[in-house]
C-alpha atoms as a PDB file:
ATOM      1  CA  UNK A   1      -0.231  -0.410   0.011  1.00  0.00           C
ATOM      2  CA  UNK A   2       1.204   3.239  -0.798  1.00  0.00           C
ATOM      3  CA  UNK A   3       2.174   5.849   2.414  1.00  0.00           C
ATOM      4  CA  UNK A   4      -0.995   8.223   0.932  1.00  0.00           C
ATOM      5  CA  UNK A   5      -3.135   5.151   0.959  1.00  0.00           C
ATOM      6  CA  UNK A   6      -2.074   3.738   3.971  1.00  0.00           C
ATOM      7  CA  UNK A   7      -2.498   7.746   5.761  1.00  0.00           C
ATOM      8  CA  UNK A   8      -6.464   7.870   4.289  1.00  0.00           C
ATOM      9  CA  UNK A   9      -7.387   4.306   5.713  1.00  0.00           C
ATOM     10  CA  UNK A  10      -5.617   5.423   9.169  1.00  0.00           C
ATOM     11  CA  UNK A  11      -7.666   8.771   9.358  1.00  0.00           C
ATOM     12  CA  UNK A  12     -11.184   6.839   7.807  1.00  0.00           C
ATOM     13  CA  UNK A  13     -10.637   4.023  10.975  1.00  0.00           C
ATOM     14  CA  UNK A  14      -9.944   7.147  13.355  1.00  0.00           C
ATOM     15  CA  UNK A  15     -12.671   8.707  11.812  1.00  0.00           C
ATOM     16  CA  UNK A  16     -15.486   5.516  12.548  1.00  0.00           C
ATOM     17  CA  UNK A  17     -13.681   4.953  16.274  1.00  0.00           C
ATOM     18  CA  UNK A  18     -14.770   8.549  17.072  1.00  0.00           C
ATOM     19  CA  UNK A  19     -18.389   7.772  16.228  1.00  0.00           C
ATOM     20  CA  UNK A  20     -19.630   4.974  18.212  1.00  0.00           C
ATOM     21  CA  UNK A  21     -23.340   3.245  19.554  1.00  0.00           C
ATOM     22  CA  UNK A  22     -22.981   3.114  23.632  1.00  0.00           C
ATOM     23  CA  UNK A  23     -22.141  -0.795  23.278  1.00  0.00           C
ATOM     24  CA  UNK A  24     -19.411  -0.434  21.440  1.00  0.00           C
ATOM     25  CA  UNK A  25     -18.099   2.438  23.165  1.00  0.00           C
ATOM     26  CA  UNK A  26     -18.201   0.245  26.273  1.00  0.00           C
ATOM     27  CA  UNK A  27     -16.969  -2.196  24.690  1.00  0.00           C
ATOM     28  CA  UNK A  28     -13.737  -0.158  23.714  1.00  0.00           C
ATOM     29  CA  UNK A  29     -13.414   1.024  27.770  1.00  0.00           C
ATOM     30  CA  UNK A  30     -13.284  -2.697  28.047  1.00  0.00           C
ATOM     31  CA  UNK A  31     -15.986  -2.344  30.194  1.00  0.00           C
ATOM     32  CA  UNK A  32     -18.762  -4.905  30.720  1.00  0.00           C
ATOM     33  CA  UNK A  33     -22.334  -4.579  31.214  1.00  0.00           C
ATOM     34  CA  UNK A  34     -22.119  -6.010  34.865  1.00  0.00           C
ATOM     35  CA  UNK A  35     -19.414  -3.898  35.758  1.00  0.00           C
ATOM     36  CA  UNK A  36     -21.059  -0.590  34.660  1.00  0.00           C
ATOM     37  CA  UNK A  37     -24.296  -1.903  36.357  1.00  0.00           C
ATOM     38  CA  UNK A  38     -22.278  -2.098  39.431  1.00  0.00           C
ATOM     39  CA  UNK A  39     -20.843   1.641  39.019  1.00  0.00           C
ATOM     40  CA  UNK A  40     -24.279   2.663  38.255  1.00  0.00           C
ATOM     41  CA  UNK A  41     -26.405   0.505  41.197  1.00  0.00           C
ATOM     42  CA  UNK A  42     -29.016  -0.858  38.680  1.00  0.00           C
ATOM     43  CA  UNK A  43     -29.215  -4.107  37.073  1.00  0.00           C
ATOM     44  CA  UNK A  44     -27.405  -5.509  34.080  1.00  0.00           C
ATOM     45  CA  UNK A  45     -30.557  -6.028  32.386  1.00  0.00           C
ATOM     46  CA  UNK A  46     -30.533  -2.146  32.790  1.00  0.00           C
ATOM     47  CA  UNK A  47     -27.633  -1.168  30.605  1.00  0.00           C
ATOM     48  CA  UNK A  48     -28.847  -3.455  27.933  1.00  0.00           C
ATOM     49  CA  UNK A  49     -32.087  -1.909  27.820  1.00  0.00           C
ATOM     50  CA  UNK A  50     -29.925   1.994  27.954  1.00  0.00           C
ATOM     51  CA  UNK A  51     -27.397   0.356  25.092  1.00  0.00           C
ATOM     52  CA  UNK A  52     -30.874  -0.097  22.955  1.00  0.00           C
ATOM     53  CA  UNK A  53     -32.266   3.138  22.915  1.00  0.00           C
ATOM     54  CA  UNK A  54     -32.797   5.209  20.644  1.00  0.00           C
ATOM     55  CA  UNK A  55     -33.959   8.356  22.641  1.00  0.00           C
ATOM     56  CA  UNK A  56     -33.019   9.193  26.389  1.00  0.00           C
ATOM     57  CA  UNK A  57     -32.556  12.016  28.909  1.00  0.00           C
ATOM     58  CA  UNK A  58     -29.488  13.873  29.104  1.00  0.00           C
ATOM     59  CA  UNK A  59     -28.843  13.140  32.726  1.00  0.00           C
ATOM     60  CA  UNK A  60     -29.194   9.301  32.047  1.00  0.00           C
ATOM     61  CA  UNK A  61     -26.615   9.463  29.073  1.00  0.00           C
ATOM     62  CA  UNK A  62     -24.341  11.713  30.868  1.00  0.00           C
ATOM     63  CA  UNK A  63     -24.232   9.387  33.913  1.00  0.00           C
ATOM     64  CA  UNK A  64     -23.712   6.106  31.675  1.00  0.00           C
ATOM     65  CA  UNK A  65     -20.657   8.522  30.123  1.00  0.00           C
ATOM     66  CA  UNK A  66     -19.374   9.078  33.652  1.00  0.00           C
ATOM     67  CA  UNK A  67     -19.619   5.807  34.523  1.00  0.00           C
ATOM     68  CA  UNK A  68     -17.023   4.820  31.780  1.00  0.00           C
ATOM     69  CA  UNK A  69     -14.855   7.407  33.136  1.00  0.00           C
ATOM     70  CA  UNK A  70     -15.745  10.187  30.522  1.00  0.00           C
ATOM     71  CA  UNK A  71     -17.216  13.334  30.633  1.00  0.00           C
ATOM     72  CA  UNK A  72     -20.541  14.283  28.486  1.00  0.00           C
ATOM     73  CA  UNK A  73     -20.380  17.597  26.196  1.00  0.00           C
ATOM     74  CA  UNK A  74     -23.073  18.701  23.641  1.00  0.00           C
ATOM     75  CA  UNK A  75     -22.131  20.432  20.930  1.00  0.00           C
ATOM     76  CA  UNK A  76     -24.153  22.492  18.412  1.00  0.00           C
ATOM     77  CA  UNK A  77     -22.483  22.543  15.216  1.00  0.00           C
ATOM     78  CA  UNK A  78     -23.456  24.991  12.098  1.00  0.00           C
ATOM     79  CA  UNK A  79     -21.885  26.164   9.115  1.00  0.00           C
ATOM     80  CA  UNK A  80     -20.387  29.095  10.788  1.00  0.00           C
ATOM     81  CA  UNK A  81     -18.894  27.603  13.785  1.00  0.00           C
ATOM     82  CA  UNK A  82     -19.472  25.149  16.791  1.00  0.00           C
ATOM     83  CA  UNK A  83     -21.197  26.208  20.333  1.00  0.00           C
ATOM     84  CA  UNK A  84     -20.817  24.081  23.925  1.00  0.00           C
ATOM     85  CA  UNK A  85     -24.231  24.123  25.070  1.00  0.00           C
ATOM     86  CA  UNK A  86     -24.001  24.084  28.919  1.00  0.00           C
ATOM     87  CA  UNK A  87     -27.223  24.683  29.755  1.00  0.00           C
ATOM     88  CA  UNK A  88     -27.695  21.478  31.314  1.00  0.00           C
ATOM     89  CA  UNK A  89     -24.129  21.521  33.481  1.00  0.00           C
ATOM     90  CA  UNK A  90     -25.669  24.613  34.857  1.00  0.00           C
ATOM     91  CA  UNK A  91     -28.712  22.451  35.903  1.00  0.00           C
ATOM     92  CA  UNK A  92     -27.187  19.769  37.211  1.00  0.00           C
ATOM     93  CA  UNK A  93     -24.631  22.134  39.419  1.00  0.00           C
ATOM     94  CA  UNK A  94     -27.907  24.097  40.818  1.00  0.00           C
ATOM     95  CA  UNK A  95     -29.467  20.698  41.724  1.00  0.00           C
ATOM     96  CA  UNK A  96     -26.306  19.612  43.358  1.00  0.00           C
END
């Protein structure tokens, strides 16, 4: 393979890895559903259901991501630039 083609393949692989469903993200973080359930103090079946959902509360997704050691950021992308939405962080701080 040419160096250019190798670089294109590498870039595509990195792009695909940056866009994962929750199940694959959990696998990439080397966590089982049971381990994640233990951190979140829920049953394994709850993790399974959550990973199949296409709609959920932001707080649920935030807790799921935090349980894997990450932080959730919500970014709105527009043709003229991106904006990080911090409204949900403010709500959590005022509730806590």
